[in-house]
Amino acid sequence: MKITIEWTYKTKNGVETVFRSDKLPPAHALSIGEDLEKTGRAKSITYIDQHDSTWMVKELKKYIQEMDTEPHNVRVYFDGGYDIQTSQAGLGIAIYYEQNGKNYRLRRNAPAVGLNSNNEAEYAALHLAIVELDLLDVHHQTVQFIGDSQVVINQMSGEWPAYEKELVSWADRIDIKLNELGITPEFELVPRKLNAEADRLATQALQGTDITGQIELQ
């Protein structure tokens, strides 16, 4: 979830205007709101989520407290590789998140059969990542999905239409799963070099090397 702060500012002369913040993590929004109150110049401070629902301060504090014990601030890197010669695919994902004041990373790869293109492999990797989010009990929050596939990122974000029936099928499955989990996705396209970890995991899956692990980051 992301929160936008809206508040009325009043000058010494009594002139008023309304300001609206960028979208912020709930804890950051609450901290900034409390700081604004200390100035004595801000009034009518309102906290609004991405669904235009308004939150009271006590509700926001309760949400933050509950979320701290669950995985949050989740970033997902995904990549899929496809070998035309063998019609084999490899999927790789790396999930970074916070929980109980600590930082974690989960890595996983998997081989895949029955796919027909690299684009399908990319979609399959994204779907694998969402299945892992379900296992981690990630739900009802905003999650960043980061990849180097222009097709997947642009189609899932609605920038490009999807015409191939196989890709449409994957996109529909992913949307259904995201809705079930209450996850609001934010898709980010990055150069391949910034997705090297997921790319390496996908390549290792193609080579028959199985990798599954979770560690606490220092």
Protein backbone atom coordinates (compact mmCIF):
# COMPACT_ATOMS: atom_id res chain seq x y z
CA MET A 1 0.00 0.00 0.00
CA LYS A 2 1.09 3.55 -0.72
CA ILE A 3 -0.25 6.62 1.07
CA THR A 4 -0.68 10.17 -0.20
CA ILE A 5 -0.82 13.01 2.32
CA GLU A 6 -3.13 15.92 1.66
CA TRP A 7 -3.06 18.94 3.96
CA THR A 8 -4.07 22.58 4.18
CA TYR A 9 -1.30 25.08 4.89
CA LYS A 10 -2.09 28.42 6.50
CA THR A 11 0.30 31.40 6.54
CA LYS A 12 0.62 33.94 9.35
CA ASN A 13 -1.60 36.27 7.32
CA GLY A 14 -4.31 33.67 7.08
CA VAL A 15 -3.75 32.68 3.44
CA GLU A 16 -4.49 29.01 2.86
CA THR A 17 -3.60 26.52 0.16
CA VAL A 18 -3.74 22.74 -0.20
CA PHE A 19 -0.69 20.53 -0.77
CA ARG A 20 -0.56 16.90 -1.84
CA SER A 21 2.45 14.62 -1.42
CA ASP A 22 3.87 11.88 -3.61
CA LYS A 23 2.81 8.30 -2.90
CA LEU A 24 4.73 7.10 0.15
CA PRO A 25 5.11 3.94 2.23
CA PRO A 26 2.68 4.14 5.16
CA ALA A 27 5.38 4.58 7.82
CA HIS A 28 7.01 7.41 5.87
CA ALA A 29 3.67 9.12 5.33
CA LEU A 30 2.80 8.95 9.02
CA SER A 31 6.22 10.29 10.02
CA ILE A 32 5.93 13.23 7.62
CA GLY A 33 2.36 13.92 8.73
CA GLU A 34 3.40 14.04 12.38
CA ASP A 35 6.25 16.38 11.47
CA LEU A 36 3.85 18.65 9.59
CA GLU A 37 1.62 18.87 12.65
CA LYS A 38 4.57 20.08 14.75
CA THR A 39 5.00 23.13 12.49
CA GLY A 40 1.63 24.43 13.60
CA ARG A 41 0.95 25.62 10.05
CA ALA A 42 -0.64 22.49 8.65
CA LYS A 43 -4.21 21.50 9.34
CA SER A 44 -6.76 19.04 7.98
CA ILE A 45 -4.07 16.42 7.35
CA THR A 46 -5.59 13.51 5.42
CA TYR A 47 -4.03 10.14 4.58
CA ILE A 48 -5.31 8.59 1.33
CA ASP A 49 -4.41 5.18 -0.14
CA GLN A 50 -4.23 4.23 -3.83
CA HIS A 51 -7.92 3.28 -3.80
CA ASP A 52 -8.87 6.81 -2.60
CA SER A 53 -9.84 5.48 0.83
CA THR A 54 -9.10 7.78 3.78
CA TRP A 55 -7.22 6.48 6.82
CA MET A 56 -7.30 7.80 10.38
CA VAL A 57 -3.98 8.09 12.20
CA LYS A 58 -4.82 5.29 14.64
CA GLU A 59 -5.82 3.03 11.73
CA LEU A 60 -2.57 3.75 9.95
CA LYS A 61 -0.53 3.05 13.08
CA LYS A 62 -2.32 -0.28 13.56
CA TYR A 63 -1.71 -1.22 9.92
CA ILE A 64 2.01 -0.38 10.20
CA GLN A 65 2.31 -2.41 13.40
CA GLU A 66 0.63 -5.44 11.82
CA MET A 67 2.61 -5.19 8.60
CA ASP A 68 5.94 -5.16 10.44
CA THR A 69 5.44 -8.83 11.36
CA GLU A 70 4.62 -9.75 7.76
CA PRO A 71 6.79 -9.49 4.63
CA HIS A 72 6.61 -5.93 3.30
CA ASN A 73 8.49 -3.47 1.08
CA VAL A 74 8.68 -6.34 -1.40
CA ARG A 75 10.76 -6.13 -4.59
CA VAL A 76 10.67 -8.96 -7.12
CA TYR A 77 13.25 -9.52 -9.88
CA PHE A 78 12.27 -12.08 -12.52
CA ASP A 79 13.71 -13.46 -15.74
CA GLY A 80 13.01 -16.28 -18.17
CA GLY A 81 15.34 -17.93 -20.67
CA TYR A 82 14.42 -20.11 -23.65
CA ASP A 83 16.57 -22.48 -25.66
CA ILE A 84 15.19 -22.75 -29.22
CA GLN A 85 17.24 -25.88 -29.97
CA THR A 86 15.82 -27.93 -27.10
CA SER A 87 12.52 -26.06 -26.51
CA GLN A 88 13.49 -25.94 -22.84
CA ALA A 89 13.00 -22.91 -20.60
CA GLY A 90 14.58 -21.73 -17.37
CA LEU A 91 12.94 -19.43 -14.84
CA GLY A 92 14.69 -17.31 -12.24
CA ILE A 93 13.38 -15.07 -9.46
CA ALA A 94 14.86 -13.08 -6.58
CA ILE A 95 12.55 -11.60 -3.95
CA TYR A 96 13.73 -8.96 -1.49
CA TYR A 97 11.60 -8.02 1.50
CA GLU A 98 11.55 -6.78 5.09
CA GLN A 99 10.04 -8.54 8.08
CA ASN A 100 10.30 -7.91 11.82
CA GLY A 101 12.88 -5.20 11.25
CA LYS A 102 15.17 -7.45 9.18
CA ASN A 103 15.94 -7.72 5.45
CA TYR A 104 15.66 -10.98 3.55
CA ARG A 105 16.30 -12.36 0.07
CA LEU A 106 14.67 -15.41 -1.44
CA ARG A 107 16.11 -16.92 -4.64
CA ARG A 108 14.60 -19.67 -6.71
CA ASN A 109 14.87 -21.10 -10.20
CA ALA A 110 13.03 -23.82 -12.05
CA PRO A 111 13.06 -25.53 -15.45
CA ALA A 112 9.93 -25.34 -17.57
CA VAL A 113 8.60 -27.35 -20.51
CA GLY A 114 5.74 -26.78 -22.91
CA LEU A 115 6.62 -23.15 -23.62
CA ASN A 116 7.11 -21.84 -27.13
CA SER A 117 9.09 -18.62 -26.83
CA ASN A 118 11.29 -16.47 -24.66
CA ASN A 119 8.32 -14.18 -24.00
CA GLU A 120 6.37 -17.11 -22.59
CA ALA A 121 9.34 -17.97 -20.38
CA GLU A 122 9.39 -14.40 -19.07
CA TYR A 123 5.69 -14.61 -18.23
CA ALA A 124 6.18 -17.99 -16.59
CA ALA A 125 8.95 -16.52 -14.41
CA LEU A 126 6.66 -13.70 -13.30
CA HIS A 127 3.94 -16.23 -12.45
CA LEU A 128 6.44 -18.31 -10.47
CA ALA A 129 7.36 -15.20 -8.48
CA ILE A 130 3.72 -14.55 -7.58
CA VAL A 131 3.29 -18.16 -6.45
CA GLU A 132 6.28 -17.64 -4.14
CA LEU A 133 4.71 -14.43 -2.81
CA ASP A 134 1.63 -16.46 -1.92
CA LEU A 135 3.81 -18.95 -0.02
CA LEU A 136 5.46 -16.05 1.81
CA ASP A 137 1.99 -14.79 2.75
CA VAL A 138 2.46 -11.49 0.93
CA HIS A 139 -0.94 -9.91 0.46
CA HIS A 140 -2.87 -6.62 0.36
CA GLN A 141 0.10 -4.40 -0.39
CA THR A 142 2.00 -2.81 -3.25
CA VAL A 143 4.78 -4.96 -4.75
CA GLN A 144 7.47 -3.90 -7.24
CA PHE A 145 8.03 -6.30 -10.12
CA ILE A 146 11.31 -5.66 -11.92
CA GLY A 147 12.37 -7.26 -15.18
CA ASP A 148 14.17 -6.67 -18.47
CA SER A 149 11.42 -7.96 -20.78
CA GLN A 150 9.83 -5.04 -22.61
CA VAL A 151 6.97 -7.29 -23.72
CA VAL A 152 5.99 -8.49 -20.24
CA ILE A 153 6.53 -5.20 -18.41
CA ASN A 154 4.71 -3.10 -21.00
CA GLN A 155 1.85 -5.55 -21.47
CA MET A 156 1.28 -6.09 -17.76
CA SER A 157 1.37 -2.35 -17.08
CA GLY A 158 -1.13 -1.75 -19.89
CA GLU A 159 1.25 0.20 -22.11
CA TRP A 160 1.19 -2.42 -24.89
CA PRO A 161 -1.70 -4.64 -26.01
CA ALA A 162 -1.27 -8.41 -25.99
CA TYR A 163 -2.39 -10.28 -29.11
CA GLU A 164 -0.74 -13.71 -28.86
CA LYS A 165 -3.18 -16.08 -27.17
CA GLU A 166 -0.43 -17.76 -25.12
CA LEU A 167 0.71 -14.44 -23.67
CA VAL A 168 -2.87 -13.29 -23.06
CA SER A 169 -3.47 -16.52 -21.14
CA TRP A 170 -0.41 -15.92 -18.94
CA ALA A 171 -1.36 -12.29 -18.32
CA ASP A 172 -4.89 -13.32 -17.31
CA ARG A 173 -3.59 -15.97 -14.90
CA ILE A 174 -1.24 -13.45 -13.33
CA ASP A 175 -3.93 -10.79 -12.96
CA ILE A 176 -6.27 -13.30 -11.31
CA LYS A 177 -3.58 -14.36 -8.84
CA LEU A 178 -2.65 -10.77 -8.01
CA ASN A 179 -6.31 -9.96 -7.36
CA GLU A 180 -6.67 -13.01 -5.12
CA LEU A 181 -3.72 -11.84 -3.03
CA GLY A 182 -4.80 -8.22 -3.00
CA ILE A 183 -1.46 -7.19 -4.48
CA THR A 184 -1.17 -3.90 -6.34
CA PRO A 185 1.69 -4.38 -8.84
CA GLU A 186 4.18 -1.74 -9.92
CA PHE A 187 6.11 -2.86 -12.98
CA GLU A 188 9.58 -1.50 -13.73
CA LEU A 189 11.62 -2.14 -16.87
CA VAL A 190 15.39 -2.25 -16.32
CA PRO A 191 18.42 -3.02 -18.51
CA ARG A 192 19.55 -6.65 -18.49
CA LYS A 193 22.66 -5.78 -16.45
CA LEU A 194 20.41 -4.59 -13.61
CA ASN A 195 18.54 -7.88 -13.70
CA ALA A 196 21.67 -10.03 -13.66
CA GLU A 197 20.73 -12.06 -10.59
CA ALA A 198 17.43 -13.33 -12.01
CA ASP A 199 19.04 -13.83 -15.42
CA ARG A 200 21.79 -15.97 -13.88
CA LEU A 201 19.21 -18.06 -12.01
CA ALA A 202 17.25 -18.66 -15.22
CA THR A 203 20.44 -19.71 -17.03
CA GLN A 204 21.36 -22.11 -14.23
CA ALA A 205 17.89 -23.67 -14.46
CA LEU A 206 18.48 -24.29 -18.18
CA GLN A 207 21.78 -25.93 -17.27
CA GLY A 208 20.10 -28.26 -14.77
CA THR A 209 21.31 -26.51 -11.62
CA ASP A 210 18.54 -26.23 -9.04
CA ILE A 211 18.71 -23.27 -6.67
CA THR A 212 16.31 -22.54 -3.82
CA GLY A 213 17.35 -20.52 -0.80
CA GLN A 214 16.44 -17.78 1.60
CA ILE A 215 18.87 -15.71 3.67
CA GLU A 216 18.84 -12.76 6.02
CA LEU A 217 20.75 -9.82 4.59
CA GLN A 218 23.16 -7.93 6.81
